[in-house]
Amino acid sequence: MNRRLIAATAAALFLIVMTAGFWLALPKLRAPAAAPTEERADKIKIEKGERKLYLLKQGKVIREYQIALGFAPKGHKQREGDGKTPEGLYRISGRNPHSKFHLSLRVSYPNAEDRKQAAAKGVSPGGDIMIHGLPNATPFLGSLHRLKDWTAGCIAVTNDEIEEIWALTPDGTPIEILP
């Protein structure tokens, strides 16, 4: 009888621990609140070659993050599906708290010049370039996601990092993406 009670208790504890772990690994259901105005960045600078994203305020770096890029990161994005992360001047043009990645900030790619160059080649410039967290199915990867460039052209950070970036950068924040 004691063995059955011990086995049942152990099974119940195992289930509780597994359920708690599952719920803790799920992305947060609410987007973080905006930081106070005086703490917000006024520019995002991305150095593709360094795999770094910088938040700047009045020209000074206030935060720095390691990033993963598109699966073929060298050079400027030319067309949809090329796996490149764009280069140039853009803005945060929106945000999605319910994306398939943990939070996403829309980059205003393609701009008029990107569309013009793609049209001259007879191709689609692509779109949906984001700064985002990890896929909702794999939040446990954390910083391991940086071991390989893996996005379709986006800029990826950890879930904790995208929450901070989300709070510190309002829509319209300029983004400079350098080679």
C-alpha atoms as a PDB file:
ATOM      1  CA  MET A   1       0.000   0.000   0.000  1.00  0.00           C
ATOM      2  CA  ASN A   2       2.851   2.398   0.831  1.00  0.00           C
ATOM      3  CA  ARG A   3       4.492   1.705  -2.521  1.00  0.00           C
ATOM      4  CA  ARG A   4       1.304   2.607  -4.393  1.00  0.00           C
ATOM      5  CA  LEU A   5       0.968   5.852  -2.458  1.00  0.00           C
ATOM      6  CA  ILE A   6       4.605   6.752  -3.130  1.00  0.00           C
ATOM      7  CA  ALA A   7       4.258   5.909  -6.851  1.00  0.00           C
ATOM      8  CA  ALA A   8       1.036   7.936  -7.145  1.00  0.00           C
ATOM      9  CA  THR A   9       2.613  10.888  -5.328  1.00  0.00           C
ATOM     10  CA  ALA A  10       5.704  10.733  -7.546  1.00  0.00           C
ATOM     11  CA  ALA A  11       3.545  10.601 -10.691  1.00  0.00           C
ATOM     12  CA  ALA A  12       1.468  13.555  -9.505  1.00  0.00           C
ATOM     13  CA  LEU A  13       4.600  15.602  -8.718  1.00  0.00           C
ATOM     14  CA  PHE A  14       6.074  14.736 -12.105  1.00  0.00           C
ATOM     15  CA  LEU A  15       2.888  15.907 -13.827  1.00  0.00           C
ATOM     16  CA  ILE A  16       2.853  19.153 -11.819  1.00  0.00           C
ATOM     17  CA  VAL A  17       6.509  19.894 -12.640  1.00  0.00           C
ATOM     18  CA  MET A  18       6.041  19.117 -16.346  1.00  0.00           C
ATOM     19  CA  THR A  19       2.891  21.245 -16.563  1.00  0.00           C
ATOM     20  CA  ALA A  20       4.579  24.157 -14.784  1.00  0.00           C
ATOM     21  CA  GLY A  21       7.574  23.891 -17.113  1.00  0.00           C
ATOM     22  CA  PHE A  22       5.310  23.891 -20.149  1.00  0.00           C
ATOM     23  CA  TRP A  23       3.425  26.996 -19.002  1.00  0.00           C
ATOM     24  CA  LEU A  24       6.629  28.832 -18.134  1.00  0.00           C
ATOM     25  CA  ALA A  25       8.045  28.085 -21.592  1.00  0.00           C
ATOM     26  CA  LEU A  26       5.027  29.547 -23.397  1.00  0.00           C
ATOM     27  CA  PRO A  27       5.402  33.102 -24.660  1.00  0.00           C
ATOM     28  CA  LYS A  28       3.832  35.788 -22.539  1.00  0.00           C
ATOM     29  CA  LEU A  29       0.321  36.559 -23.664  1.00  0.00           C
ATOM     30  CA  ARG A  30       0.637  40.319 -23.319  1.00  0.00           C
ATOM     31  CA  ALA A  31       3.064  42.653 -24.995  1.00  0.00           C
ATOM     32  CA  PRO A  32       5.265  44.668 -22.656  1.00  0.00           C
ATOM     33  CA  ALA A  33       4.260  48.227 -21.843  1.00  0.00           C
ATOM     34  CA  ALA A  34       6.169  51.061 -23.479  1.00  0.00           C
ATOM     35  CA  ALA A  35       9.094  52.387 -21.466  1.00  0.00           C
ATOM     36  CA  PRO A  36       8.904  55.965 -20.195  1.00  0.00           C
ATOM     37  CA  THR A  37       9.647  58.471 -22.957  1.00  0.00           C
ATOM     38  CA  GLU A  38      12.968  59.532 -21.454  1.00  0.00           C
ATOM     39  CA  GLU A  39      14.240  55.919 -21.599  1.00  0.00           C
ATOM     40  CA  ARG A  40      13.238  55.179 -25.203  1.00  0.00           C
ATOM     41  CA  ALA A  41      15.683  54.820 -28.066  1.00  0.00           C
ATOM     42  CA  ASP A  42      15.528  57.272 -30.956  1.00  0.00           C
ATOM     43  CA  LYS A  43      17.336  55.003 -33.450  1.00  0.00           C
ATOM     44  CA  ILE A  44      18.121  51.351 -34.113  1.00  0.00           C
ATOM     45  CA  LYS A  45      21.441  50.520 -35.768  1.00  0.00           C
ATOM     46  CA  ILE A  46      22.133  47.025 -37.067  1.00  0.00           C
ATOM     47  CA  GLU A  47      25.656  45.928 -38.028  1.00  0.00           C
ATOM     48  CA  LYS A  48      25.108  42.742 -40.024  1.00  0.00           C
ATOM     49  CA  GLY A  49      28.807  41.842 -40.164  1.00  0.00           C
ATOM     50  CA  GLU A  50      29.116  42.102 -36.378  1.00  0.00           C
ATOM     51  CA  ARG A  51      25.729  40.403 -35.785  1.00  0.00           C
ATOM     52  CA  LYS A  52      24.809  43.301 -33.480  1.00  0.00           C
ATOM     53  CA  LEU A  53      21.732  45.435 -32.943  1.00  0.00           C
ATOM     54  CA  TYR A  54      22.214  48.712 -31.088  1.00  0.00           C
ATOM     55  CA  LEU A  55      19.569  50.934 -29.544  1.00  0.00           C
ATOM     56  CA  LEU A  56      20.711  54.553 -29.581  1.00  0.00           C
ATOM     57  CA  LYS A  57      19.522  57.700 -27.866  1.00  0.00           C
ATOM     58  CA  GLN A  58      20.998  60.997 -29.042  1.00  0.00           C
ATOM     59  CA  GLY A  59      23.816  59.109 -30.775  1.00  0.00           C
ATOM     60  CA  LYS A  60      24.836  57.058 -27.714  1.00  0.00           C
ATOM     61  CA  VAL A  61      24.368  53.304 -27.391  1.00  0.00           C
ATOM     62  CA  ILE A  62      21.894  52.507 -24.613  1.00  0.00           C
ATOM     63  CA  ARG A  63      21.515  48.756 -25.340  1.00  0.00           C
ATOM     64  CA  GLU A  64      23.373  46.186 -27.425  1.00  0.00           C
ATOM     65  CA  TYR A  65      22.164  42.757 -28.577  1.00  0.00           C
ATOM     66  CA  GLN A  66      23.649  39.815 -30.480  1.00  0.00           C
ATOM     67  CA  ILE A  67      21.444  38.800 -33.410  1.00  0.00           C
ATOM     68  CA  ALA A  68      20.800  36.132 -36.004  1.00  0.00           C
ATOM     69  CA  LEU A  69      20.014  37.171 -39.580  1.00  0.00           C
ATOM     70  CA  GLY A  70      18.624  35.719 -42.782  1.00  0.00           C
ATOM     71  CA  PHE A  71      20.115  32.398 -43.853  1.00  0.00           C
ATOM     72  CA  ALA A  72      22.128  34.122 -46.657  1.00  0.00           C
ATOM     73  CA  PRO A  73      23.004  37.389 -44.914  1.00  0.00           C
ATOM     74  CA  LYS A  74      25.724  38.872 -47.166  1.00  0.00           C
ATOM     75  CA  GLY A  75      24.542  41.687 -49.398  1.00  0.00           C
ATOM     76  CA  HIS A  76      21.307  43.627 -49.674  1.00  0.00           C
ATOM     77  CA  LYS A  77      17.986  41.845 -50.077  1.00  0.00           C
ATOM     78  CA  GLN A  78      17.238  41.669 -53.824  1.00  0.00           C
ATOM     79  CA  ARG A  79      14.081  39.583 -54.015  1.00  0.00           C
ATOM     80  CA  GLU A  80      11.628  37.513 -52.089  1.00  0.00           C
ATOM     81  CA  GLY A  81      13.091  34.227 -50.861  1.00  0.00           C
ATOM     82  CA  ASP A  82      16.791  35.133 -51.183  1.00  0.00           C
ATOM     83  CA  GLY A  83      17.380  34.760 -47.425  1.00  0.00           C
ATOM     84  CA  LYS A  84      19.078  38.146 -47.199  1.00  0.00           C
ATOM     85  CA  THR A  85      18.488  40.769 -44.548  1.00  0.00           C
ATOM     86  CA  PRO A  86      18.003  44.185 -46.203  1.00  0.00           C
ATOM     87  CA  GLU A  87      20.520  47.022 -45.920  1.00  0.00           C
ATOM     88  CA  GLY A  88      19.605  50.691 -45.829  1.00  0.00           C
ATOM     89  CA  LEU A  89      17.412  53.144 -43.985  1.00  0.00           C
ATOM     90  CA  TYR A  90      14.019  51.974 -42.715  1.00  0.00           C
ATOM     91  CA  ARG A  91      11.630  52.540 -39.786  1.00  0.00           C
ATOM     92  CA  ILE A  92       9.596  50.487 -37.374  1.00  0.00           C
ATOM     93  CA  SER A  93       6.292  50.554 -39.228  1.00  0.00           C
ATOM     94  CA  GLY A  94       4.198  48.403 -36.902  1.00  0.00           C
ATOM     95  CA  ARG A  95       4.189  45.656 -34.323  1.00  0.00           C
ATOM     96  CA  ASN A  96       2.553  42.280 -33.934  1.00  0.00           C
ATOM     97  CA  PRO A  97       2.053  40.893 -30.424  1.00  0.00           C
ATOM     98  CA  HIS A  98       0.464  37.709 -31.879  1.00  0.00           C
ATOM     99  CA  SER A  99       3.027  36.680 -34.509  1.00  0.00           C
ATOM    100  CA  LYS A 100       4.353  33.131 -34.905  1.00  0.00           C
ATOM    101  CA  PHE A 101       7.523  34.476 -33.278  1.00  0.00           C
ATOM    102  CA  HIS A 102       7.564  35.962 -29.797  1.00  0.00           C
ATOM    103  CA  LEU A 103       6.616  39.567 -30.617  1.00  0.00           C
ATOM    104  CA  SER A 104       7.637  41.174 -33.893  1.00  0.00           C
ATOM    105  CA  LEU A 105       8.455  44.716 -34.955  1.00  0.00           C
ATOM    106  CA  ARG A 106       7.862  45.385 -38.651  1.00  0.00           C
ATOM    107  CA  VAL A 107      10.741  46.903 -40.626  1.00  0.00           C
ATOM    108  CA  SER A 108       9.486  49.213 -43.403  1.00  0.00           C
ATOM    109  CA  TYR A 109      11.168  47.109 -46.112  1.00  0.00           C
ATOM    110  CA  PRO A 110      10.650  47.360 -49.060  1.00  0.00           C
ATOM    111  CA  ASN A 111      11.051  51.089 -49.502  1.00  0.00           C
ATOM    112  CA  ALA A 112      10.521  52.871 -52.850  1.00  0.00           C
ATOM    113  CA  GLU A 113      14.096  52.176 -54.031  1.00  0.00           C
ATOM    114  CA  ASP A 114      13.826  48.472 -53.101  1.00  0.00           C
ATOM    115  CA  ARG A 115      10.575  48.173 -55.100  1.00  0.00           C
ATOM    116  CA  LYS A 116      12.136  50.017 -58.062  1.00  0.00           C
ATOM    117  CA  GLN A 117      15.196  47.732 -58.151  1.00  0.00           C
ATOM    118  CA  ALA A 118      13.070  44.584 -57.872  1.00  0.00           C
ATOM    119  CA  ALA A 119      10.718  45.781 -60.628  1.00  0.00           C
ATOM    120  CA  ALA A 120      13.707  46.416 -62.913  1.00  0.00           C
ATOM    121  CA  LYS A 121      14.693  42.764 -62.424  1.00  0.00           C
ATOM    122  CA  GLY A 122      11.119  41.526 -62.786  1.00  0.00           C
ATOM    123  CA  VAL A 123      10.999  40.030 -59.290  1.00  0.00           C
ATOM    124  CA  SER A 124       9.087  40.618 -56.073  1.00  0.00           C
ATOM    125  CA  PRO A 125      11.152  42.479 -53.454  1.00  0.00           C
ATOM    126  CA  GLY A 126       9.573  40.407 -50.693  1.00  0.00           C
ATOM    127  CA  GLY A 127       8.404  41.850 -47.424  1.00  0.00           C
ATOM    128  CA  ASP A 128       7.482  40.921 -43.868  1.00  0.00           C
ATOM    129  CA  ILE A 129      10.952  41.783 -42.580  1.00  0.00           C
ATOM    130  CA  MET A 130      10.785  41.901 -38.800  1.00  0.00           C
ATOM    131  CA  ILE A 131      12.846  42.230 -35.670  1.00  0.00           C
ATOM    132  CA  HIS A 132      11.483  39.344 -33.635  1.00  0.00           C
ATOM    133  CA  GLY A 133      12.004  36.848 -30.847  1.00  0.00           C
ATOM    134  CA  LEU A 134      12.122  33.079 -31.112  1.00  0.00           C
ATOM    135  CA  PRO A 135       9.524  30.891 -32.806  1.00  0.00           C
ATOM    136  CA  ASN A 136       6.635  30.328 -30.407  1.00  0.00           C
ATOM    137  CA  ALA A 137       7.201  26.560 -30.667  1.00  0.00           C
ATOM    138  CA  THR A 138      10.835  26.792 -29.485  1.00  0.00           C
ATOM    139  CA  PRO A 139      11.187  29.497 -26.808  1.00  0.00           C
ATOM    140  CA  PHE A 140      13.584  27.276 -24.851  1.00  0.00           C
ATOM    141  CA  LEU A 141      16.359  27.835 -27.435  1.00  0.00           C
ATOM    142  CA  GLY A 142      17.346  31.140 -25.854  1.00  0.00           C
ATOM    143  CA  SER A 143      20.708  32.420 -27.055  1.00  0.00           C
ATOM    144  CA  LEU A 144      21.478  29.111 -28.829  1.00  0.00           C
ATOM    145  CA  HIS A 145      19.510  30.451 -31.804  1.00  0.00           C
ATOM    146  CA  ARG A 146      22.508  32.704 -32.582  1.00  0.00           C
ATOM    147  CA  LEU A 147      24.734  29.768 -33.543  1.00  0.00           C
ATOM    148  CA  LYS A 148      23.448  29.961 -37.132  1.00  0.00           C
ATOM    149  CA  ASP A 149      21.727  32.589 -39.264  1.00  0.00           C
ATOM    150  CA  TRP A 150      18.307  31.041 -39.691  1.00  0.00           C
ATOM    151  CA  THR A 151      15.605  33.574 -40.542  1.00  0.00           C
ATOM    152  CA  ALA A 152      14.125  34.267 -43.975  1.00  0.00           C
ATOM    153  CA  GLY A 153      15.647  37.776 -43.839  1.00  0.00           C
ATOM    154  CA  CYS A 154      14.556  39.027 -40.440  1.00  0.00           C
ATOM    155  CA  ILE A 155      16.603  40.068 -37.412  1.00  0.00           C
ATOM    156  CA  ALA A 156      16.174  37.638 -34.503  1.00  0.00           C
ATOM    157  CA  VAL A 157      16.906  38.097 -30.798  1.00  0.00           C
ATOM    158  CA  THR A 158      15.901  36.170 -27.674  1.00  0.00           C
ATOM    159  CA  ASN A 159      12.418  36.553 -26.233  1.00  0.00           C
ATOM    160  CA  ASP A 160      13.632  38.615 -23.268  1.00  0.00           C
ATOM    161  CA  GLU A 161      15.536  40.875 -25.662  1.00  0.00           C
ATOM    162  CA  ILE A 162      12.581  41.479 -28.005  1.00  0.00           C
ATOM    163  CA  GLU A 163      10.463  42.400 -24.994  1.00  0.00           C
ATOM    164  CA  GLU A 164      13.023  45.034 -24.037  1.00  0.00           C
ATOM    165  CA  ILE A 165      13.409  46.296 -27.629  1.00  0.00           C
ATOM    166  CA  TRP A 166       9.591  46.398 -27.988  1.00  0.00           C
ATOM    167  CA  ALA A 167       9.273  48.569 -24.878  1.00  0.00           C
ATOM    168  CA  LEU A 168      12.148  50.896 -25.794  1.00  0.00           C
ATOM    169  CA  THR A 169      11.330  51.610 -29.469  1.00  0.00           C
ATOM    170  CA  PRO A 170       8.101  53.296 -30.560  1.00  0.00           C
ATOM    171  CA  ASP A 171       6.622  52.969 -34.030  1.00  0.00           C
ATOM    172  CA  GLY A 172       8.433  55.258 -36.433  1.00  0.00           C
ATOM    173  CA  THR A 173      11.868  54.682 -34.867  1.00  0.00           C
ATOM    174  CA  PRO A 174      14.486  54.908 -37.652  1.00  0.00           C
ATOM    175  CA  ILE A 175      16.460  51.740 -38.422  1.00  0.00           C
ATOM    176  CA  GLU A 176      19.839  51.796 -40.151  1.00  0.00           C
ATOM    177  CA  ILE A 177      20.952  48.384 -41.396  1.00  0.00           C
ATOM    178  CA  LEU A 178      24.616  48.284 -42.377  1.00  0.00           C
ATOM    179  CA  PRO A 179      26.582  45.493 -44.118  1.00  0.00           C
END
